Amino acid sequence: MRRVFVRSLLGAVCVSALGLARPVFAQDLTPVQEAFVHPRPLTMVPASFGLQLEPAEGFQFDFQQPASTPDGSAAAAAPATAFKPAKISKVLLYGLELTFYEHVMRVAAQNFTRSELKGPFFEDWFDSVHVPHKWNDGDSWQVNYLGHAIHGAAAVRIWMDQREPKATSKGQYLKSMSHAFLFSVLFSVQYEIGPLSEASIGNVGIHTADTGWVDHIWTPCGAVLWAMAEDGIDKYALTWVDKHVPFLMARAAARMILNPGRMLANVSMNRTPWYRADRNIGAGLGR
């Protein structure tokens, strides 16, 4: 079974690579292919030749100067659109996408999870829900204190990006984080014992020795702390990397490695893993 899964995964990667590599017309580009198109058309003709290049119909070079106003001054840039919070239903949908991806990784990587998929769903789920009687649940500290904080930080980031405007003060930032904390509590409870949880998919907790308060308490608390740490890293370290590191893939890798919670949230919100709303990464790969 594992060999079939690995071979299928490799086959899908190869087919995707061929789809990116094959020559196509511009109007046939998929959204993934469009992400790899350089935004500035290149030419080998020196400007000193004085040749006038006629753009194709309906095409405009993006390096043209902004249109002038009647008085000769450059037109002002269009004002940024005001932030509009997304509907709660959209936030919940992104949360479900994050839950789906995490369960796929669990089933793919954990033998004990796959072994518990058989049997009556509701009966095994109800038997797996218990009130913990101790702090630790038997997992390693890396899983409990790092993995769960990152997974919760992804939920925090979904809420912050979709429901909270960009903070302009420390008070506003902490207020937004408090709202995100409440969302991460609900997300964590559902992920632990809800209908789409570790208890229902994999029956984690069917043995009472595998339950502990660490998952219920540390996940939302660690999520907020981790998300705040990622914000600091992004503001002070990754902005420096974006300005001073000339290698595109190094910039993308730094964004994903140093902000893993944000990376998971980006994927769950159907964005590129290295997405940043406030700055492009360059070379036509979007934000």
C-alpha atoms as a PDB file:
ATOM      1  CA  MET A   1       0.000   0.000   0.000  1.00  0.00           C
ATOM      2  CA  ARG A   2       2.803   2.398   0.889  1.00  0.00           C
ATOM      3  CA  ARG A   3       4.589   1.682  -2.412  1.00  0.00           C
ATOM      4  CA  VAL A   4       1.402   2.365  -4.363  1.00  0.00           C
ATOM      5  CA  PHE A   5       0.952   5.676  -2.510  1.00  0.00           C
ATOM      6  CA  VAL A   6       4.558   6.767  -3.078  1.00  0.00           C
ATOM      7  CA  ARG A   7       4.459   5.838  -6.752  1.00  0.00           C
ATOM      8  CA  SER A   8       1.152   7.659  -7.246  1.00  0.00           C
ATOM      9  CA  LEU A   9       2.559  10.741  -5.525  1.00  0.00           C
ATOM     10  CA  LEU A  10       5.707  10.723  -7.671  1.00  0.00           C
ATOM     11  CA  GLY A  11       3.609  10.247 -10.794  1.00  0.00           C
ATOM     12  CA  ALA A  12       1.434  13.233  -9.901  1.00  0.00           C
ATOM     13  CA  VAL A  13       4.540  15.382  -9.328  1.00  0.00           C
ATOM     14  CA  CYS A  14       6.002  14.353 -12.690  1.00  0.00           C
ATOM     15  CA  VAL A  15       2.752  15.071 -14.540  1.00  0.00           C
ATOM     16  CA  SER A  16       2.521  18.476 -12.857  1.00  0.00           C
ATOM     17  CA  ALA A  17       6.114  19.257 -13.840  1.00  0.00           C
ATOM     18  CA  LEU A  18       5.398  18.363 -17.455  1.00  0.00           C
ATOM     19  CA  GLY A  19       2.334  20.560 -17.388  1.00  0.00           C
ATOM     20  CA  LEU A  20       4.467  23.507 -16.240  1.00  0.00           C
ATOM     21  CA  ALA A  21       7.200  22.816 -18.769  1.00  0.00           C
ATOM     22  CA  ARG A  22       5.189  22.258 -21.977  1.00  0.00           C
ATOM     23  CA  PRO A  23       4.939  25.248 -24.355  1.00  0.00           C
ATOM     24  CA  VAL A  24       1.502  26.811 -24.472  1.00  0.00           C
ATOM     25  CA  PHE A  25      -0.043  29.999 -25.751  1.00  0.00           C
ATOM     26  CA  ALA A  26      -0.447  32.822 -23.281  1.00  0.00           C
ATOM     27  CA  GLN A  27      -4.218  32.564 -23.344  1.00  0.00           C
ATOM     28  CA  ASP A  28      -4.022  28.887 -22.364  1.00  0.00           C
ATOM     29  CA  LEU A  29      -1.935  29.392 -19.220  1.00  0.00           C
ATOM     30  CA  THR A  30      -3.291  27.895 -16.034  1.00  0.00           C
ATOM     31  CA  PRO A  31      -3.161  29.926 -12.793  1.00  0.00           C
ATOM     32  CA  VAL A  32      -0.125  27.900 -11.685  1.00  0.00           C
ATOM     33  CA  GLN A  33       1.694  28.571 -14.971  1.00  0.00           C
ATOM     34  CA  GLU A  34       0.801  32.274 -14.854  1.00  0.00           C
ATOM     35  CA  ALA A  35       2.588  32.493 -11.483  1.00  0.00           C
ATOM     36  CA  PHE A  36       5.865  31.680 -13.232  1.00  0.00           C
ATOM     37  CA  VAL A  37       5.542  34.246 -16.041  1.00  0.00           C
ATOM     38  CA  HIS A  38       7.895  37.195 -15.673  1.00  0.00           C
ATOM     39  CA  PRO A  39       5.845  40.383 -15.382  1.00  0.00           C
ATOM     40  CA  ARG A  40       8.236  42.458 -17.548  1.00  0.00           C
ATOM     41  CA  PRO A  41       8.639  41.475 -21.208  1.00  0.00           C
ATOM     42  CA  LEU A  42      12.316  41.216 -22.182  1.00  0.00           C
ATOM     43  CA  THR A  43      13.926  42.435 -25.424  1.00  0.00           C
ATOM     44  CA  MET A  44      17.399  42.133 -26.906  1.00  0.00           C
ATOM     45  CA  VAL A  45      17.070  45.344 -28.945  1.00  0.00           C
ATOM     46  CA  PRO A  46      19.160  48.232 -27.485  1.00  0.00           C
ATOM     47  CA  ALA A  47      17.257  51.423 -26.826  1.00  0.00           C
ATOM     48  CA  SER A  48      19.860  53.379 -28.854  1.00  0.00           C
ATOM     49  CA  PHE A  49      18.620  51.815 -32.112  1.00  0.00           C
ATOM     50  CA  GLY A  50      15.552  53.987 -31.862  1.00  0.00           C
ATOM     51  CA  LEU A  51      13.198  51.203 -32.918  1.00  0.00           C
ATOM     52  CA  GLN A  52       9.569  51.572 -32.020  1.00  0.00           C
ATOM     53  CA  LEU A  53       8.132  48.319 -30.737  1.00  0.00           C
ATOM     54  CA  GLU A  54       4.428  48.023 -31.322  1.00  0.00           C
ATOM     55  CA  PRO A  55       2.728  46.037 -28.566  1.00  0.00           C
ATOM     56  CA  ALA A  56       0.205  43.424 -29.532  1.00  0.00           C
ATOM     57  CA  GLU A  57      -3.435  44.369 -29.502  1.00  0.00           C
ATOM     58  CA  GLY A  58      -4.822  44.469 -25.991  1.00  0.00           C
ATOM     59  CA  PHE A  59      -1.361  44.293 -24.392  1.00  0.00           C
ATOM     60  CA  GLN A  60       0.337  47.039 -22.427  1.00  0.00           C
ATOM     61  CA  PHE A  61       3.879  47.041 -21.088  1.00  0.00           C
ATOM     62  CA  ASP A  62       3.813  47.334 -17.333  1.00  0.00           C
ATOM     63  CA  PHE A  63       6.884  49.580 -17.245  1.00  0.00           C
ATOM     64  CA  GLN A  64       5.206  52.492 -19.016  1.00  0.00           C
ATOM     65  CA  GLN A  65       5.025  55.783 -17.192  1.00  0.00           C
ATOM     66  CA  PRO A  66       1.728  56.602 -15.488  1.00  0.00           C
ATOM     67  CA  ALA A  67      -0.691  58.661 -17.498  1.00  0.00           C
ATOM     68  CA  SER A  68      -0.459  62.412 -17.070  1.00  0.00           C
ATOM     69  CA  THR A  69      -3.261  64.618 -15.907  1.00  0.00           C
ATOM     70  CA  PRO A  70      -4.372  67.607 -18.036  1.00  0.00           C
ATOM     71  CA  ASP A  71      -2.079  69.931 -16.067  1.00  0.00           C
ATOM     72  CA  GLY A  72       0.960  67.799 -16.954  1.00  0.00           C
ATOM     73  CA  SER A  73       1.482  66.190 -13.546  1.00  0.00           C
ATOM     74  CA  ALA A  74       1.543  62.450 -13.100  1.00  0.00           C
ATOM     75  CA  ALA A  75      -1.724  60.857 -12.115  1.00  0.00           C
ATOM     76  CA  ALA A  76      -1.968  59.874  -8.485  1.00  0.00           C
ATOM     77  CA  ALA A  77      -1.879  56.203  -7.660  1.00  0.00           C
ATOM     78  CA  ALA A  78      -5.213  54.569  -7.023  1.00  0.00           C
ATOM     79  CA  PRO A  79      -6.010  54.473  -3.309  1.00  0.00           C
ATOM     80  CA  ALA A  80      -5.769  51.118  -1.609  1.00  0.00           C
ATOM     81  CA  THR A  81      -9.085  49.415  -1.065  1.00  0.00           C
ATOM     82  CA  ALA A  82     -10.354  49.409   2.493  1.00  0.00           C
ATOM     83  CA  PHE A  83     -10.110  46.132   4.370  1.00  0.00           C
ATOM     84  CA  LYS A  84     -13.371  44.192   4.404  1.00  0.00           C
ATOM     85  CA  PRO A  85     -13.585  41.267   6.844  1.00  0.00           C
ATOM     86  CA  ALA A  86     -14.456  37.951   5.244  1.00  0.00           C
ATOM     87  CA  LYS A  87     -17.612  36.126   6.189  1.00  0.00           C
ATOM     88  CA  ILE A  88     -17.383  33.664   9.052  1.00  0.00           C
ATOM     89  CA  SER A  89     -18.405  30.913   6.632  1.00  0.00           C
ATOM     90  CA  LYS A  90     -15.295  31.613   4.555  1.00  0.00           C
ATOM     91  CA  VAL A  91     -13.052  31.508   7.615  1.00  0.00           C
ATOM     92  CA  LEU A  92     -14.600  28.187   8.644  1.00  0.00           C
ATOM     93  CA  LEU A  93     -14.073  26.839   5.130  1.00  0.00           C
ATOM     94  CA  TYR A  94     -10.370  27.699   5.260  1.00  0.00           C
ATOM     95  CA  GLY A  95     -10.191  26.112   8.700  1.00  0.00           C
ATOM     96  CA  LEU A  96     -11.704  22.927   7.263  1.00  0.00           C
ATOM     97  CA  GLU A  97      -9.132  22.991   4.442  1.00  0.00           C
ATOM     98  CA  LEU A  98      -6.344  23.209   7.023  1.00  0.00           C
ATOM     99  CA  THR A  99      -7.924  20.316   8.945  1.00  0.00           C
ATOM    100  CA  PHE A 100      -8.187  18.250   5.755  1.00  0.00           C
ATOM    101  CA  TYR A 101      -4.515  18.747   4.832  1.00  0.00           C
ATOM    102  CA  GLU A 102      -3.387  17.838   8.335  1.00  0.00           C
ATOM    103  CA  HIS A 103      -5.461  14.656   8.382  1.00  0.00           C
ATOM    104  CA  VAL A 104      -4.081  13.678   4.965  1.00  0.00           C
ATOM    105  CA  MET A 105      -0.556  14.032   6.369  1.00  0.00           C
ATOM    106  CA  ARG A 106      -1.518  11.974   9.439  1.00  0.00           C
ATOM    107  CA  VAL A 107      -2.993   9.133   7.391  1.00  0.00           C
ATOM    108  CA  ALA A 108      -0.039   9.156   4.988  1.00  0.00           C
ATOM    109  CA  ALA A 109       2.670   9.176   7.657  1.00  0.00           C
ATOM    110  CA  GLN A 110       1.245   7.289  10.657  1.00  0.00           C
ATOM    111  CA  ASN A 111       0.738   3.519  10.610  1.00  0.00           C
ATOM    112  CA  PHE A 112      -1.279   3.556  13.851  1.00  0.00           C
ATOM    113  CA  THR A 113      -3.706   6.099  12.362  1.00  0.00           C
ATOM    114  CA  ARG A 114      -4.305   3.965   9.270  1.00  0.00           C
ATOM    115  CA  SER A 115      -4.806   0.860  11.421  1.00  0.00           C
ATOM    116  CA  GLU A 116      -7.660   2.570  13.310  1.00  0.00           C
ATOM    117  CA  LEU A 117      -9.632   3.619  10.227  1.00  0.00           C
ATOM    118  CA  LYS A 118     -11.598   0.371  10.158  1.00  0.00           C
ATOM    119  CA  GLY A 119     -14.493  -0.307  12.466  1.00  0.00           C
ATOM    120  CA  PRO A 120     -17.719   1.568  13.364  1.00  0.00           C
ATOM    121  CA  PHE A 121     -17.147   5.309  12.954  1.00  0.00           C
ATOM    122  CA  PHE A 122     -19.507   6.792  15.543  1.00  0.00           C
ATOM    123  CA  GLU A 123     -19.005   4.111  18.196  1.00  0.00           C
ATOM    124  CA  ASP A 124     -15.198   4.349  18.010  1.00  0.00           C
ATOM    125  CA  TRP A 125     -15.355   8.150  17.930  1.00  0.00           C
ATOM    126  CA  PHE A 126     -17.500   8.368  21.083  1.00  0.00           C
ATOM    127  CA  ASP A 127     -15.273   5.818  22.827  1.00  0.00           C
ATOM    128  CA  SER A 128     -12.235   8.000  21.997  1.00  0.00           C
ATOM    129  CA  VAL A 129     -13.551  11.149  23.702  1.00  0.00           C
ATOM    130  CA  HIS A 130     -12.498  11.353  27.362  1.00  0.00           C
ATOM    131  CA  VAL A 131     -11.833  14.022  29.954  1.00  0.00           C
ATOM    132  CA  PRO A 132      -8.038  13.921  30.459  1.00  0.00           C
ATOM    133  CA  HIS A 133      -6.730  13.028  33.915  1.00  0.00           C
ATOM    134  CA  LYS A 134      -3.116  14.098  33.383  1.00  0.00           C
ATOM    135  CA  TRP A 135      -1.066  16.728  31.569  1.00  0.00           C
ATOM    136  CA  ASN A 136       1.025  14.709  29.070  1.00  0.00           C
ATOM    137  CA  ASP A 137      -0.516  12.477  26.425  1.00  0.00           C
ATOM    138  CA  GLY A 138       2.491  10.296  25.623  1.00  0.00           C
ATOM    139  CA  ASP A 139       3.718  12.263  22.598  1.00  0.00           C
ATOM    140  CA  SER A 140       7.227  13.703  22.441  1.00  0.00           C
ATOM    141  CA  TRP A 141       7.861  17.303  23.505  1.00  0.00           C
ATOM    142  CA  GLN A 142       8.586  18.226  19.891  1.00  0.00           C
ATOM    143  CA  VAL A 143       5.086  17.139  18.882  1.00  0.00           C
ATOM    144  CA  ASN A 144       3.315  18.657  21.866  1.00  0.00           C
ATOM    145  CA  TYR A 145       5.121  21.986  22.224  1.00  0.00           C
ATOM    146  CA  LEU A 146       6.341  22.709  18.671  1.00  0.00           C
ATOM    147  CA  GLY A 147       4.076  20.812  16.294  1.00  0.00           C
ATOM    148  CA  HIS A 148       0.846  21.745  18.062  1.00  0.00           C
ATOM    149  CA  ALA A 149       1.895  25.394  18.374  1.00  0.00           C
ATOM    150  CA  ILE A 150       2.636  25.568  14.631  1.00  0.00           C
ATOM    151  CA  HIS A 151      -0.630  23.854  13.747  1.00  0.00           C
ATOM    152  CA  GLY A 152      -2.561  26.244  15.990  1.00  0.00           C
ATOM    153  CA  ALA A 153      -0.651  29.252  14.634  1.00  0.00           C
ATOM    154  CA  ALA A 154      -1.947  28.389  11.159  1.00  0.00           C
ATOM    155  CA  ALA A 155      -5.503  28.753  12.456  1.00  0.00           C
ATOM    156  CA  VAL A 156      -4.561  32.051  14.124  1.00  0.00           C
ATOM    157  CA  ARG A 157      -3.121  33.318  10.838  1.00  0.00           C
ATOM    158  CA  ILE A 158      -6.272  32.381   8.914  1.00  0.00           C
ATOM    159  CA  TRP A 159      -8.359  34.465  11.313  1.00  0.00           C
ATOM    160  CA  MET A 160      -5.929  37.396  11.304  1.00  0.00           C
ATOM    161  CA  ASP A 161      -5.737  37.534   7.510  1.00  0.00           C
ATOM    162  CA  GLN A 162      -9.456  37.133   6.893  1.00  0.00           C
ATOM    163  CA  ARG A 163     -11.100  39.000   9.766  1.00  0.00           C
ATOM    164  CA  GLU A 164      -8.680  41.527  11.264  1.00  0.00           C
ATOM    165  CA  PRO A 165      -7.397  44.722   9.574  1.00  0.00           C
ATOM    166  CA  LYS A 166      -3.694  45.478   9.642  1.00  0.00           C
ATOM    167  CA  ALA A 167      -2.913  46.745  13.128  1.00  0.00           C
ATOM    168  CA  THR A 168      -1.646  50.302  13.483  1.00  0.00           C
ATOM    169  CA  SER A 169      -0.932  50.149  17.218  1.00  0.00           C
ATOM    170  CA  LYS A 170       0.147  47.639  19.840  1.00  0.00           C
ATOM    171  CA  GLY A 171      -3.293  47.735  21.439  1.00  0.00           C
ATOM    172  CA  GLN A 172      -5.063  46.981  18.187  1.00  0.00           C
ATOM    173  CA  TYR A 173      -2.625  44.149  17.469  1.00  0.00           C
ATOM    174  CA  LEU A 174      -3.231  42.533  20.871  1.00  0.00           C
ATOM    175  CA  LYS A 175      -6.988  42.950  20.473  1.00  0.00           C
ATOM    176  CA  SER A 176      -6.854  41.203  17.086  1.00  0.00           C
ATOM    177  CA  MET A 177      -4.742  38.430  18.594  1.00  0.00           C
ATOM    178  CA  SER A 178      -7.299  37.937  21.358  1.00  0.00           C
ATOM    179  CA  HIS A 179      -9.989  37.358  18.726  1.00  0.00           C
ATOM    180  CA  ALA A 180      -7.690  34.931  16.900  1.00  0.00           C
ATOM    181  CA  PHE A 181      -7.038  33.129  20.205  1.00  0.00           C
ATOM    182  CA  LEU A 182     -10.757  32.402  20.614  1.00  0.00           C
ATOM    183  CA  PHE A 183     -10.886  31.025  17.075  1.00  0.00           C
ATOM    184  CA  SER A 184      -7.849  28.836  17.746  1.00  0.00           C
ATOM    185  CA  VAL A 185      -9.567  27.447  20.879  1.00  0.00           C
ATOM    186  CA  LEU A 186     -12.577  26.356  18.799  1.00  0.00           C
ATOM    187  CA  PHE A 187     -10.307  25.035  16.059  1.00  0.00           C
ATOM    188  CA  SER A 188      -8.256  23.041  18.578  1.00  0.00           C
ATOM    189  CA  VAL A 189     -11.296  21.513  20.297  1.00  0.00           C
ATOM    190  CA  GLN A 190     -12.711  20.421  16.955  1.00  0.00           C
ATOM    191  CA  TYR A 191      -9.368  19.001  15.855  1.00  0.00           C
ATOM    192  CA  GLU A 192      -8.977  17.009  19.075  1.00  0.00           C
ATOM    193  CA  ILE A 193     -12.496  15.619  19.682  1.00  0.00           C
ATOM    194  CA  GLY A 194     -14.847  17.011  17.007  1.00  0.00           C
ATOM    195  CA  PRO A 195     -16.498  15.183  14.081  1.00  0.00           C
ATOM    196  CA  LEU A 196     -13.383  15.747  11.930  1.00  0.00           C
ATOM    197  CA  SER A 197     -10.834  15.179  14.665  1.00  0.00           C
ATOM    198  CA  GLU A 198      -8.041  12.913  15.778  1.00  0.00           C
ATOM    199  CA  ALA A 199     -10.633  11.125  17.915  1.00  0.00           C
ATOM    200  CA  SER A 200     -12.935  10.359  14.969  1.00  0.00           C
ATOM    201  CA  ILE A 201     -10.225   9.808  12.314  1.00  0.00           C
ATOM    202  CA  GLY A 202      -7.665   7.472  13.848  1.00  0.00           C
ATOM    203  CA  ASN A 203      -9.399   7.089  17.247  1.00  0.00           C
ATOM    204  CA  VAL A 204      -6.717   8.938  19.195  1.00  0.00           C
ATOM    205  CA  GLY A 205      -7.862   8.735  22.812  1.00  0.00           C
ATOM    206  CA  ILE A 206      -9.581   5.349  22.637  1.00  0.00           C
ATOM    207  CA  HIS A 207      -6.866   4.367  25.106  1.00  0.00           C
ATOM    208  CA  THR A 208      -7.117   6.788  28.028  1.00  0.00           C
ATOM    209  CA  ALA A 209      -3.329   6.800  28.463  1.00  0.00           C
ATOM    210  CA  ASP A 210      -3.115   8.689  25.140  1.00  0.00           C
ATOM    211  CA  THR A 211      -5.068  11.715  26.366  1.00  0.00           C
ATOM    212  CA  GLY A 212      -3.737  14.764  28.173  1.00  0.00           C
ATOM    213  CA  TRP A 213      -4.535  18.399  28.889  1.00  0.00           C
ATOM    214  CA  VAL A 214      -1.429  19.541  27.006  1.00  0.00           C
ATOM    215  CA  ASP A 215      -3.198  19.391  23.637  1.00  0.00           C
ATOM    216  CA  HIS A 216      -6.264  21.321  24.807  1.00  0.00           C
ATOM    217  CA  ILE A 217      -4.435  24.061  26.721  1.00  0.00           C
ATOM    218  CA  TRP A 218      -1.083  24.499  25.042  1.00  0.00           C
ATOM    219  CA  THR A 219      -2.304  24.365  21.420  1.00  0.00           C
ATOM    220  CA  PRO A 220      -4.272  27.685  21.482  1.00  0.00           C
ATOM    221  CA  CYS A 221      -1.873  29.387  23.925  1.00  0.00           C
ATOM    222  CA  GLY A 222       1.210  28.269  22.035  1.00  0.00           C
ATOM    223  CA  ALA A 223      -0.503  29.163  18.771  1.00  0.00           C
ATOM    224  CA  VAL A 224      -0.784  32.847  19.692  1.00  0.00           C
ATOM    225  CA  LEU A 225       2.796  32.993  20.996  1.00  0.00           C
ATOM    226  CA  TRP A 226       4.103  31.267  17.865  1.00  0.00           C
ATOM    227  CA  ALA A 227       2.109  33.539  15.547  1.00  0.00           C
ATOM    228  CA  MET A 228       3.467  36.629  17.318  1.00  0.00           C
ATOM    229  CA  ALA A 229       7.016  35.255  17.018  1.00  0.00           C
ATOM    230  CA  GLU A 230       6.468  34.657  13.298  1.00  0.00           C
ATOM    231  CA  ASP A 231       5.256  38.243  12.898  1.00  0.00           C
ATOM    232  CA  GLY A 232       8.471  39.499  14.506  1.00  0.00           C
ATOM    233  CA  ILE A 233      10.635  37.238  12.325  1.00  0.00           C
ATOM    234  CA  ASP A 234       8.777  38.328   9.212  1.00  0.00           C
ATOM    235  CA  LYS A 235       9.057  42.023  10.051  1.00  0.00           C
ATOM    236  CA  TYR A 236      12.708  42.146  11.080  1.00  0.00           C
ATOM    237  CA  ALA A 237      14.422  39.126   9.472  1.00  0.00           C
ATOM    238  CA  LEU A 238      12.511  38.148   6.341  1.00  0.00           C
ATOM    239  CA  THR A 239      12.143  41.716   5.072  1.00  0.00           C
ATOM    240  CA  TRP A 240      15.958  41.964   5.296  1.00  0.00           C
ATOM    241  CA  VAL A 241      16.274  38.675   3.387  1.00  0.00           C
ATOM    242  CA  ASP A 242      13.907  39.959   0.684  1.00  0.00           C
ATOM    243  CA  LYS A 243      16.050  43.065   0.180  1.00  0.00           C
ATOM    244  CA  HIS A 244      19.558  41.593   0.405  1.00  0.00           C
ATOM    245  CA  VAL A 245      19.412  37.947  -0.769  1.00  0.00           C
ATOM    246  CA  PRO A 246      19.548  37.820  -4.596  1.00  0.00           C
ATOM    247  CA  PHE A 247      18.435  34.195  -4.940  1.00  0.00           C
ATOM    248  CA  LEU A 248      14.717  33.845  -5.494  1.00  0.00           C
ATOM    249  CA  MET A 249      14.363  30.296  -4.204  1.00  0.00           C
ATOM    250  CA  ALA A 250      16.392  31.180  -1.105  1.00  0.00           C
ATOM    251  CA  ARG A 251      13.942  34.001  -0.330  1.00  0.00           C
ATOM    252  CA  ALA A 252      10.978  31.656  -0.826  1.00  0.00           C
ATOM    253  CA  ALA A 253      12.582  28.940   1.298  1.00  0.00           C
ATOM    254  CA  ALA A 254      13.361  31.417   4.089  1.00  0.00           C
ATOM    255  CA  ARG A 255       9.749  32.569   4.172  1.00  0.00           C
ATOM    256  CA  MET A 256       8.460  29.004   4.466  1.00  0.00           C
ATOM    257  CA  ILE A 257      11.061  27.647   6.907  1.00  0.00           C
ATOM    258  CA  LEU A 258      11.044  30.607   9.287  1.00  0.00           C
ATOM    259  CA  ASN A 259       7.243  31.030   9.190  1.00  0.00           C
ATOM    260  CA  PRO A 260       5.850  27.463   9.066  1.00  0.00           C
ATOM    261  CA  GLY A 261       2.505  28.420  10.591  1.00  0.00           C
ATOM    262  CA  ARG A 262       1.972  31.144   7.995  1.00  0.00           C
ATOM    263  CA  MET A 263       3.002  28.693   5.265  1.00  0.00           C
ATOM    264  CA  LEU A 264       0.303  26.200   6.349  1.00  0.00           C
ATOM    265  CA  ALA A 265      -2.262  29.003   6.503  1.00  0.00           C
ATOM    266  CA  ASN A 266      -1.317  30.231   3.016  1.00  0.00           C
ATOM    267  CA  VAL A 267      -1.793  26.778   1.525  1.00  0.00           C
ATOM    268  CA  SER A 268      -5.133  26.429   3.332  1.00  0.00           C
ATOM    269  CA  MET A 269      -6.259  29.780   1.879  1.00  0.00           C
ATOM    270  CA  ASN A 270      -5.298  28.677  -1.652  1.00  0.00           C
ATOM    271  CA  ARG A 271      -2.227  30.906  -1.836  1.00  0.00           C
ATOM    272  CA  THR A 272       1.384  30.204  -2.661  1.00  0.00           C
ATOM    273  CA  PRO A 273       3.212  28.952   0.478  1.00  0.00           C
ATOM    274  CA  TRP A 274       5.505  32.016   0.524  1.00  0.00           C
ATOM    275  CA  TYR A 275       2.677  34.574   0.103  1.00  0.00           C
ATOM    276  CA  ARG A 276       2.925  38.001   1.731  1.00  0.00           C
ATOM    277  CA  ALA A 277       0.183  40.573   1.210  1.00  0.00           C
ATOM    278  CA  ASP A 278       2.501  43.561   1.646  1.00  0.00           C
ATOM    279  CA  ARG A 279       5.362  42.647  -0.729  1.00  0.00           C
ATOM    280  CA  ASN A 280       6.129  40.622  -3.834  1.00  0.00           C
ATOM    281  CA  ILE A 281       8.826  37.992  -3.792  1.00  0.00           C
ATOM    282  CA  GLY A 282       9.922  38.904  -7.335  1.00  0.00           C
ATOM    283  CA  ALA A 283      10.542  37.305 -10.769  1.00  0.00           C
ATOM    284  CA  GLY A 284       6.865  36.939 -11.552  1.00  0.00           C
ATOM    285  CA  LEU A 285       6.135  34.494  -8.711  1.00  0.00           C
ATOM    286  CA  GLY A 286       3.623  36.838  -7.112  1.00  0.00           C
ATOM    287  CA  ARG A 287       3.656  37.668  -3.413  1.00  0.00           C
END
